[in-house]
Amino acid sequence: MSAPTSEAAKAYWKENLRLMFMLLVIWFVVSFGFGVLFVEQLNAIQFFGFPLGFWFAQQGAIYVFVLEIFFYVWKMNQLDRKYDVDEQ
């Protein structure tokens, strides 16, 4: 593991922030958008016997958040290797 240069550190942080922002937007859309704003429209659709809007509000947002955690870890491992800051 070598110490990153100032430019590499800035690029690494910029990519990290872009990834976090993208994941937070997805989580916001799923949790607030699907669970609150569009709940009436989604409730017209049944999912495992429950209205889809209710499912997103109660469980869907949590599932998406957990999946995003695993995705973030996977992408950050790739980013660490790209900028040679991974732990081996």
PDB file of N, CA and C in Angstrom:
ATOM      1  N   MET A   1       0.848  -1.174   0.000  1.00  0.00           N
ATOM      2  CA  MET A   1       0.000   0.000   0.000  1.00  0.00           C
ATOM      3  C   MET A   1       0.889   1.231   0.000  1.00  0.00           C
ATOM      4  N   SER A   2       0.699   2.070  -0.968  1.00  0.00           N
ATOM      5  CA  SER A   2       1.476   3.296  -1.037  1.00  0.00           C
ATOM      6  C   SER A   2       0.598   4.480  -0.687  1.00  0.00           C
ATOM      7  N   ALA A   3       1.235   5.538  -0.220  1.00  0.00           N
ATOM      8  CA  ALA A   3       0.495   6.747   0.147  1.00  0.00           C
ATOM      9  C   ALA A   3       0.022   7.437  -1.129  1.00  0.00           C
ATOM     10  N   PRO A   4      -1.269   7.769  -1.215  1.00  0.00           N
ATOM     11  CA  PRO A   4      -1.772   8.414  -2.419  1.00  0.00           C
ATOM     12  C   PRO A   4      -1.297   9.864  -2.518  1.00  0.00           C
ATOM     13  N   THR A   5      -1.108  10.322  -3.733  1.00  0.00           N
ATOM     14  CA  THR A   5      -0.747  11.712  -3.938  1.00  0.00           C
ATOM     15  C   THR A   5      -1.961  12.585  -3.645  1.00  0.00           C
ATOM     16  N   SER A   6      -1.725  13.878  -3.576  1.00  0.00           N
ATOM     17  CA  SER A   6      -2.817  14.796  -3.277  1.00  0.00           C
ATOM     18  C   SER A   6      -3.903  14.735  -4.352  1.00  0.00           C
ATOM     19  N   GLU A   7      -3.498  14.675  -5.611  1.00  0.00           N
ATOM     20  CA  GLU A   7      -4.478  14.597  -6.703  1.00  0.00           C
ATOM     21  C   GLU A   7      -5.234  13.278  -6.672  1.00  0.00           C
ATOM     22  N   ALA A   8      -4.528  12.189  -6.399  1.00  0.00           N
ATOM     23  CA  ALA A   8      -5.180  10.881  -6.321  1.00  0.00           C
ATOM     24  C   ALA A   8      -6.136  10.833  -5.142  1.00  0.00           C
ATOM     25  N   ALA A   9      -5.749  11.437  -4.030  1.00  0.00           N
ATOM     26  CA  ALA A   9      -6.626  11.463  -2.855  1.00  0.00           C
ATOM     27  C   ALA A   9      -7.894  12.258  -3.146  1.00  0.00           C
ATOM     28  N   LYS A  10      -7.762  13.361  -3.858  1.00  0.00           N
ATOM     29  CA  LYS A  10      -8.940  14.164  -4.217  1.00  0.00           C
ATOM     30  C   LYS A  10      -9.851  13.397  -5.164  1.00  0.00           C
ATOM     31  N   ALA A  11      -9.259  12.714  -6.140  1.00  0.00           N
ATOM     32  CA  ALA A  11     -10.051  11.927  -7.086  1.00  0.00           C
ATOM     33  C   ALA A  11     -10.759  10.783  -6.372  1.00  0.00           C
ATOM     34  N   TYR A  12     -10.062  10.128  -5.449  1.00  0.00           N
ATOM     35  CA  TYR A  12     -10.638   9.029  -4.669  1.00  0.00           C
ATOM     36  C   TYR A  12     -11.837   9.532  -3.866  1.00  0.00           C
ATOM     37  N   TRP A  13     -11.659  10.650  -3.184  1.00  0.00           N
ATOM     38  CA  TRP A  13     -12.729  11.212  -2.360  1.00  0.00           C
ATOM     39  C   TRP A  13     -13.906  11.653  -3.223  1.00  0.00           C
ATOM     40  N   LYS A  14     -13.613  12.225  -4.397  1.00  0.00           N
ATOM     41  CA  LYS A  14     -14.678  12.661  -5.302  1.00  0.00           C
ATOM     42  C   LYS A  14     -15.516  11.475  -5.770  1.00  0.00           C
ATOM     43  N   GLU A  15     -14.867  10.374  -6.136  1.00  0.00           N
ATOM     44  CA  GLU A  15     -15.607   9.180  -6.559  1.00  0.00           C
ATOM     45  C   GLU A  15     -16.403   8.587  -5.409  1.00  0.00           C
ATOM     46  N   ASN A  16     -15.816   8.612  -4.208  1.00  0.00           N
ATOM     47  CA  ASN A  16     -16.510   8.108  -3.024  1.00  0.00           C
ATOM     48  C   ASN A  16     -17.763   8.938  -2.759  1.00  0.00           C
ATOM     49  N   LEU A  17     -17.643  10.260  -2.818  1.00  0.00           N
ATOM     50  CA  LEU A  17     -18.800  11.119  -2.590  1.00  0.00           C
ATOM     51  C   LEU A  17     -19.873  10.926  -3.654  1.00  0.00           C
ATOM     52  N   ARG A  18     -19.465  10.750  -4.902  1.00  0.00           N
ATOM     53  CA  ARG A  18     -20.430  10.518  -5.982  1.00  0.00           C
ATOM     54  C   ARG A  18     -21.204   9.231  -5.728  1.00  0.00           C
ATOM     55  N   LEU A  19     -20.501   8.182  -5.325  1.00  0.00           N
ATOM     56  CA  LEU A  19     -21.142   6.909  -5.027  1.00  0.00           C
ATOM     57  C   LEU A  19     -22.118   7.045  -3.854  1.00  0.00           C
ATOM     58  N   MET A  20     -21.682   7.701  -2.784  1.00  0.00           N
ATOM     59  CA  MET A  20     -22.559   7.877  -1.625  1.00  0.00           C
ATOM     60  C   MET A  20     -23.794   8.693  -1.979  1.00  0.00           C
ATOM     61  N   PHE A  21     -23.610   9.764  -2.761  1.00  0.00           N
ATOM     62  CA  PHE A  21     -24.741  10.595  -3.156  1.00  0.00           C
ATOM     63  C   PHE A  21     -25.738   9.790  -3.985  1.00  0.00           C
ATOM     64  N   MET A  22     -25.239   9.001  -4.928  1.00  0.00           N
ATOM     65  CA  MET A  22     -26.104   8.179  -5.767  1.00  0.00           C
ATOM     66  C   MET A  22     -26.914   7.195  -4.909  1.00  0.00           C
ATOM     67  N   LEU A  23     -26.252   6.550  -3.969  1.00  0.00           N
ATOM     68  CA  LEU A  23     -26.945   5.574  -3.119  1.00  0.00           C
ATOM     69  C   LEU A  23     -27.954   6.253  -2.193  1.00  0.00           C
ATOM     70  N   LEU A  24     -27.622   7.428  -1.695  1.00  0.00           N
ATOM     71  CA  LEU A  24     -28.573   8.152  -0.837  1.00  0.00           C
ATOM     72  C   LEU A  24     -29.793   8.620  -1.620  1.00  0.00           C
ATOM     73  N   VAL A  25     -29.604   9.015  -2.852  1.00  0.00           N
ATOM     74  CA  VAL A  25     -30.739   9.412  -3.689  1.00  0.00           C
ATOM     75  C   VAL A  25     -31.658   8.214  -3.929  1.00  0.00           C
ATOM     76  N   ILE A  26     -31.067   7.064  -4.248  1.00  0.00           N
ATOM     77  CA  ILE A  26     -31.870   5.853  -4.455  1.00  0.00           C
ATOM     78  C   ILE A  26     -32.640   5.512  -3.186  1.00  0.00           C
ATOM     79  N   TRP A  27     -31.954   5.562  -2.047  1.00  0.00           N
ATOM     80  CA  TRP A  27     -32.615   5.231  -0.783  1.00  0.00           C
ATOM     81  C   TRP A  27     -33.735   6.218  -0.476  1.00  0.00           C
ATOM     82  N   PHE A  28     -33.512   7.506  -0.750  1.00  0.00           N
ATOM     83  CA  PHE A  28     -34.545   8.517  -0.512  1.00  0.00           C
ATOM     84  C   PHE A  28     -35.762   8.260  -1.393  1.00  0.00           C
ATOM     85  N   VAL A  29     -35.525   7.978  -2.669  1.00  0.00           N
ATOM     86  CA  VAL A  29     -36.637   7.725  -3.589  1.00  0.00           C
ATOM     87  C   VAL A  29     -37.439   6.502  -3.140  1.00  0.00           C
ATOM     88  N   VAL A  30     -36.733   5.449  -2.736  1.00  0.00           N
ATOM     89  CA  VAL A  30     -37.426   4.236  -2.314  1.00  0.00           C
ATOM     90  C   VAL A  30     -38.149   4.446  -0.990  1.00  0.00           C
ATOM     91  N   SER A  31     -37.484   5.025  -0.006  1.00  0.00           N
ATOM     92  CA  SER A  31     -38.106   5.146   1.314  1.00  0.00           C
ATOM     93  C   SER A  31     -39.143   6.254   1.372  1.00  0.00           C
ATOM     94  N   PHE A  32     -38.806   7.452   0.930  1.00  0.00           N
ATOM     95  CA  PHE A  32     -39.745   8.570   1.028  1.00  0.00           C
ATOM     96  C   PHE A  32     -40.685   8.609  -0.172  1.00  0.00           C
ATOM     97  N   GLY A  33     -40.122   8.421  -1.363  1.00  0.00           N
ATOM     98  CA  GLY A  33     -40.945   8.479  -2.566  1.00  0.00           C
ATOM     99  C   GLY A  33     -41.953   7.358  -2.634  1.00  0.00           C
ATOM    100  N   PHE A  34     -41.464   6.107  -2.587  1.00  0.00           N
ATOM    101  CA  PHE A  34     -42.358   4.959  -2.702  1.00  0.00           C
ATOM    102  C   PHE A  34     -43.168   4.724  -1.430  1.00  0.00           C
ATOM    103  N   GLY A  35     -42.586   5.024  -0.273  1.00  0.00           N
ATOM    104  CA  GLY A  35     -43.265   4.747   0.994  1.00  0.00           C
ATOM    105  C   GLY A  35     -44.197   5.838   1.463  1.00  0.00           C
ATOM    106  N   VAL A  36     -44.047   7.072   0.940  1.00  0.00           N
ATOM    107  CA  VAL A  36     -44.868   8.185   1.411  1.00  0.00           C
ATOM    108  C   VAL A  36     -45.553   8.920   0.251  1.00  0.00           C
ATOM    109  N   LEU A  37     -44.771   9.428  -0.696  1.00  0.00           N
ATOM    110  CA  LEU A  37     -45.329  10.278  -1.742  1.00  0.00           C
ATOM    111  C   LEU A  37     -46.203   9.522  -2.741  1.00  0.00           C
ATOM    112  N   PHE A  38     -45.764   8.360  -3.173  1.00  0.00           N
ATOM    113  CA  PHE A  38     -46.483   7.606  -4.197  1.00  0.00           C
ATOM    114  C   PHE A  38     -47.199   6.384  -3.633  1.00  0.00           C
ATOM    115  N   VAL A  39     -47.459   6.397  -2.342  1.00  0.00           N
ATOM    116  CA  VAL A  39     -48.042   5.226  -1.688  1.00  0.00           C
ATOM    117  C   VAL A  39     -49.431   4.904  -2.234  1.00  0.00           C
ATOM    118  N   GLU A  40     -50.241   5.914  -2.511  1.00  0.00           N
ATOM    119  CA  GLU A  40     -51.600   5.657  -3.003  1.00  0.00           C
ATOM    120  C   GLU A  40     -51.575   4.975  -4.369  1.00  0.00           C
ATOM    121  N   GLN A  41     -50.712   5.439  -5.268  1.00  0.00           N
ATOM    122  CA  GLN A  41     -50.618   4.833  -6.587  1.00  0.00           C
ATOM    123  C   GLN A  41     -50.065   3.409  -6.498  1.00  0.00           C
ATOM    124  N   LEU A  42     -49.068   3.209  -5.642  1.00  0.00           N
ATOM    125  CA  LEU A  42     -48.462   1.889  -5.504  1.00  0.00           C
ATOM    126  C   LEU A  42     -49.375   0.896  -4.798  1.00  0.00           C
ATOM    127  N   ASN A  43     -50.274   1.395  -3.965  1.00  0.00           N
ATOM    128  CA  ASN A  43     -51.182   0.487  -3.257  1.00  0.00           C
ATOM    129  C   ASN A  43     -52.170  -0.193  -4.197  1.00  0.00           C
ATOM    130  N   ALA A  44     -52.298   0.298  -5.422  1.00  0.00           N
ATOM    131  CA  ALA A  44     -53.163  -0.357  -6.405  1.00  0.00           C
ATOM    132  C   ALA A  44     -52.550  -1.669  -6.883  1.00  0.00           C
ATOM    133  N   ILE A  45     -51.258  -1.868  -6.608  1.00  0.00           N
ATOM    134  CA  ILE A  45     -50.543  -3.081  -7.014  1.00  0.00           C
ATOM    135  C   ILE A  45     -50.363  -3.967  -5.790  1.00  0.00           C
ATOM    136  N   GLN A  46     -50.672  -5.248  -5.933  1.00  0.00           N
ATOM    137  CA  GLN A  46     -50.498  -6.198  -4.832  1.00  0.00           C
ATOM    138  C   GLN A  46     -49.130  -6.872  -4.946  1.00  0.00           C
ATOM    139  N   PHE A  47     -48.456  -7.045  -3.807  1.00  0.00           N
ATOM    140  CA  PHE A  47     -47.153  -7.710  -3.753  1.00  0.00           C
ATOM    141  C   PHE A  47     -47.188  -8.690  -2.597  1.00  0.00           C
ATOM    142  N   PHE A  48     -47.187  -9.986  -2.900  1.00  0.00           N
ATOM    143  CA  PHE A  48     -47.319 -11.049  -1.895  1.00  0.00           C
ATOM    144  C   PHE A  48     -48.547 -10.840  -1.011  1.00  0.00           C
ATOM    145  N   GLY A  49     -49.619 -10.368  -1.612  1.00  0.00           N
ATOM    146  CA  GLY A  49     -50.869 -10.181  -0.891  1.00  0.00           C
ATOM    147  C   GLY A  49     -50.975  -8.865  -0.144  1.00  0.00           C
ATOM    148  N   PHE A  50     -49.981  -8.002  -0.236  1.00  0.00           N
ATOM    149  CA  PHE A  50     -50.012  -6.710   0.437  1.00  0.00           C
ATOM    150  C   PHE A  50     -49.945  -5.595  -0.604  1.00  0.00           C
ATOM    151  N   PRO A  51     -50.542  -4.446  -0.297  1.00  0.00           N
ATOM    152  CA  PRO A  51     -50.403  -3.302  -1.200  1.00  0.00           C
ATOM    153  C   PRO A  51     -48.926  -2.919  -1.324  1.00  0.00           C
ATOM    154  N   LEU A  52     -48.462  -2.641  -2.544  1.00  0.00           N
ATOM    155  CA  LEU A  52     -47.044  -2.380  -2.782  1.00  0.00           C
ATOM    156  C   LEU A  52     -46.536  -1.157  -2.015  1.00  0.00           C
ATOM    157  N   GLY A  53     -47.342  -0.116  -1.915  1.00  0.00           N
ATOM    158  CA  GLY A  53     -46.930   1.065  -1.153  1.00  0.00           C
ATOM    159  C   GLY A  53     -46.707   0.745   0.314  1.00  0.00           C
ATOM    160  N   PHE A  54     -47.594  -0.042   0.890  1.00  0.00           N
ATOM    161  CA  PHE A  54     -47.434  -0.482   2.274  1.00  0.00           C
ATOM    162  C   PHE A  54     -46.174  -1.309   2.432  1.00  0.00           C
ATOM    163  N   TRP A  55     -45.918  -2.211   1.463  1.00  0.00           N
ATOM    164  CA  TRP A  55     -44.729  -3.063   1.534  1.00  0.00           C
ATOM    165  C   TRP A  55     -43.459  -2.230   1.503  1.00  0.00           C
ATOM    166  N   PHE A  56     -43.387  -1.241   0.605  1.00  0.00           N
ATOM    167  CA  PHE A  56     -42.203  -0.381   0.553  1.00  0.00           C
ATOM    168  C   PHE A  56     -42.029   0.391   1.848  1.00  0.00           C
ATOM    169  N   ALA A  57     -43.109   0.890   2.408  1.00  0.00           N
ATOM    170  CA  ALA A  57     -43.012   1.664   3.648  1.00  0.00           C
ATOM    171  C   ALA A  57     -42.562   0.798   4.815  1.00  0.00           C
ATOM    172  N   GLN A  58     -43.003  -0.460   4.851  1.00  0.00           N
ATOM    173  CA  GLN A  58     -42.701  -1.316   5.990  1.00  0.00           C
ATOM    174  C   GLN A  58     -41.435  -2.143   5.826  1.00  0.00           C
ATOM    175  N   GLN A  59     -41.158  -2.646   4.623  1.00  0.00           N
ATOM    176  CA  GLN A  59     -40.035  -3.556   4.448  1.00  0.00           C
ATOM    177  C   GLN A  59     -39.128  -3.204   3.288  1.00  0.00           C
ATOM    178  N   GLY A  60     -39.684  -2.722   2.213  1.00  0.00           N
ATOM    179  CA  GLY A  60     -38.927  -2.501   0.992  1.00  0.00           C
ATOM    180  C   GLY A  60     -37.753  -1.554   1.162  1.00  0.00           C
ATOM    181  N   ALA A  61     -37.970  -0.458   1.871  1.00  0.00           N
ATOM    182  CA  ALA A  61     -36.893   0.513   2.084  1.00  0.00           C
ATOM    183  C   ALA A  61     -35.751  -0.107   2.887  1.00  0.00           C
ATOM    184  N   ILE A  62     -36.068  -0.952   3.833  1.00  0.00           N
ATOM    185  CA  ILE A  62     -35.036  -1.611   4.634  1.00  0.00           C
ATOM    186  C   ILE A  62     -34.236  -2.580   3.771  1.00  0.00           C
ATOM    187  N   TYR A  63     -34.929  -3.355   2.933  1.00  0.00           N
ATOM    188  CA  TYR A  63     -34.234  -4.287   2.037  1.00  0.00           C
ATOM    189  C   TYR A  63     -33.315  -3.541   1.072  1.00  0.00           C
ATOM    190  N   VAL A  64     -33.814  -2.447   0.524  1.00  0.00           N
ATOM    191  CA  VAL A  64     -32.993  -1.655  -0.400  1.00  0.00           C
ATOM    192  C   VAL A  64     -31.770  -1.109   0.328  1.00  0.00           C
ATOM    193  N   PHE A  65     -31.942  -0.627   1.553  1.00  0.00           N
ATOM    194  CA  PHE A  65     -30.830  -0.094   2.320  1.00  0.00           C
ATOM    195  C   PHE A  65     -29.769  -1.171   2.585  1.00  0.00           C
ATOM    196  N   VAL A  66     -30.184  -2.358   2.955  1.00  0.00           N
ATOM    197  CA  VAL A  66     -29.236  -3.444   3.214  1.00  0.00           C
ATOM    198  C   VAL A  66     -28.500  -3.823   1.928  1.00  0.00           C
ATOM    199  N   LEU A  67     -29.227  -3.906   0.813  1.00  0.00           N
ATOM    200  CA  LEU A  67     -28.582  -4.194  -0.472  1.00  0.00           C
ATOM    201  C   LEU A  67     -27.589  -3.097  -0.850  1.00  0.00           C
ATOM    202  N   GLU A  68     -27.937  -1.852  -0.552  1.00  0.00           N
ATOM    203  CA  GLU A  68     -27.028  -0.745  -0.845  1.00  0.00           C
ATOM    204  C   GLU A  68     -25.748  -0.832  -0.011  1.00  0.00           C
ATOM    205  N   ILE A  69     -25.839  -1.316   1.200  1.00  0.00           N
ATOM    206  CA  ILE A  69     -24.646  -1.490   2.029  1.00  0.00           C
ATOM    207  C   ILE A  69     -23.684  -2.473   1.371  1.00  0.00           C
ATOM    208  N   PHE A  70     -24.213  -3.613   0.938  1.00  0.00           N
ATOM    209  CA  PHE A  70     -23.359  -4.602   0.271  1.00  0.00           C
ATOM    210  C   PHE A  70     -22.789  -4.051  -1.029  1.00  0.00           C
ATOM    211  N   PHE A  71     -23.600  -3.322  -1.790  1.00  0.00           N
ATOM    212  CA  PHE A  71     -23.133  -2.720  -3.035  1.00  0.00           C
ATOM    213  C   PHE A  71     -22.033  -1.694  -2.753  1.00  0.00           C
ATOM    214  N   TYR A  72     -22.204  -0.894  -1.711  1.00  0.00           N
ATOM    215  CA  TYR A  72     -21.207   0.122  -1.353  1.00  0.00           C
ATOM    216  C   TYR A  72     -19.879  -0.541  -0.978  1.00  0.00           C
ATOM    217  N   VAL A  73     -19.922  -1.593  -0.212  1.00  0.00           N
ATOM    218  CA  VAL A  73     -18.697  -2.305   0.175  1.00  0.00           C
ATOM    219  C   VAL A  73     -18.000  -2.857  -1.064  1.00  0.00           C
ATOM    220  N   TRP A  74     -18.748  -3.459  -1.970  1.00  0.00           N
ATOM    221  CA  TRP A  74     -18.186  -4.018  -3.196  1.00  0.00           C
ATOM    222  C   TRP A  74     -17.542  -2.924  -4.046  1.00  0.00           C
ATOM    223  N   LYS A  75     -18.263  -1.811  -4.238  1.00  0.00           N
ATOM    224  CA  LYS A  75     -17.730  -0.718  -5.057  1.00  0.00           C
ATOM    225  C   LYS A  75     -16.527  -0.045  -4.383  1.00  0.00           C
ATOM    226  N   MET A  76     -16.540   0.091  -3.083  1.00  0.00           N
ATOM    227  CA  MET A  76     -15.411   0.726  -2.393  1.00  0.00           C
ATOM    228  C   MET A  76     -14.171  -0.166  -2.446  1.00  0.00           C
ATOM    229  N   ASN A  77     -14.351  -1.480  -2.403  1.00  0.00           N
ATOM    230  CA  ASN A  77     -13.206  -2.373  -2.577  1.00  0.00           C
ATOM    231  C   ASN A  77     -12.592  -2.185  -3.957  1.00  0.00           C
ATOM    232  N   GLN A  78     -13.438  -2.040  -4.977  1.00  0.00           N
ATOM    233  CA  GLN A  78     -12.929  -1.765  -6.324  1.00  0.00           C
ATOM    234  C   GLN A  78     -12.209  -0.421  -6.371  1.00  0.00           C
ATOM    235  N   LEU A  79     -12.793   0.582  -5.734  1.00  0.00           N
ATOM    236  CA  LEU A  79     -12.196   1.918  -5.719  1.00  0.00           C
ATOM    237  C   LEU A  79     -10.868   1.919  -4.967  1.00  0.00           C
ATOM    238  N   ASP A  80     -10.800   1.187  -3.868  1.00  0.00           N
ATOM    239  CA  ASP A  80      -9.552   1.081  -3.111  1.00  0.00           C
ATOM    240  C   ASP A  80      -8.441   0.468  -3.960  1.00  0.00           C
ATOM    241  N   ARG A  81      -8.791  -0.589  -4.697  1.00  0.00           N
ATOM    242  CA  ARG A  81      -7.785  -1.200  -5.576  1.00  0.00           C
ATOM    243  C   ARG A  81      -7.381  -0.257  -6.703  1.00  0.00           C
ATOM    244  N   LYS A  82      -8.326   0.476  -7.238  1.00  0.00           N
ATOM    245  CA  LYS A  82      -8.049   1.413  -8.322  1.00  0.00           C
ATOM    246  C   LYS A  82      -7.037   2.476  -7.898  1.00  0.00           C
ATOM    247  N   TYR A  83      -7.172   2.980  -6.674  1.00  0.00           N
ATOM    248  CA  TYR A  83      -6.277   4.030  -6.173  1.00  0.00           C
ATOM    249  C   TYR A  83      -5.160   3.487  -5.287  1.00  0.00           C
ATOM    250  N   ASP A  84      -5.013   2.175  -5.252  1.00  0.00           N
ATOM    251  CA  ASP A  84      -3.943   1.510  -4.516  1.00  0.00           C
ATOM    252  C   ASP A  84      -3.923   1.880  -3.038  1.00  0.00           C
ATOM    253  N   VAL A  85      -5.106   1.887  -2.443  1.00  0.00           N
ATOM    254  CA  VAL A  85      -5.205   2.130  -1.000  1.00  0.00           C
ATOM    255  C   VAL A  85      -5.901   0.959  -0.301  1.00  0.00           C
ATOM    256  N   ASP A  86      -5.948  -0.184  -0.990  1.00  0.00           N
ATOM    257  CA  ASP A  86      -6.608  -1.344  -0.401  1.00  0.00           C
ATOM    258  C   ASP A  86      -5.731  -2.002   0.658  1.00  0.00           C
ATOM    259  N   GLU A  87      -6.407  -2.686   1.554  1.00  0.00           N
ATOM    260  CA  GLU A  87      -5.708  -3.413   2.626  1.00  0.00           C
ATOM    261  C   GLU A  87      -5.612  -4.868   2.216  1.00  0.00           C
ATOM    262  N   GLN A  88      -4.389  -5.380   2.174  1.00  0.00           N
ATOM    263  CA  GLN A  88      -4.210  -6.768   1.793  1.00  0.00           C
ATOM    264  C   GLN A  88      -3.526  -7.552   2.867  1.00  0.00           C
TER     265      GLN A  88
END
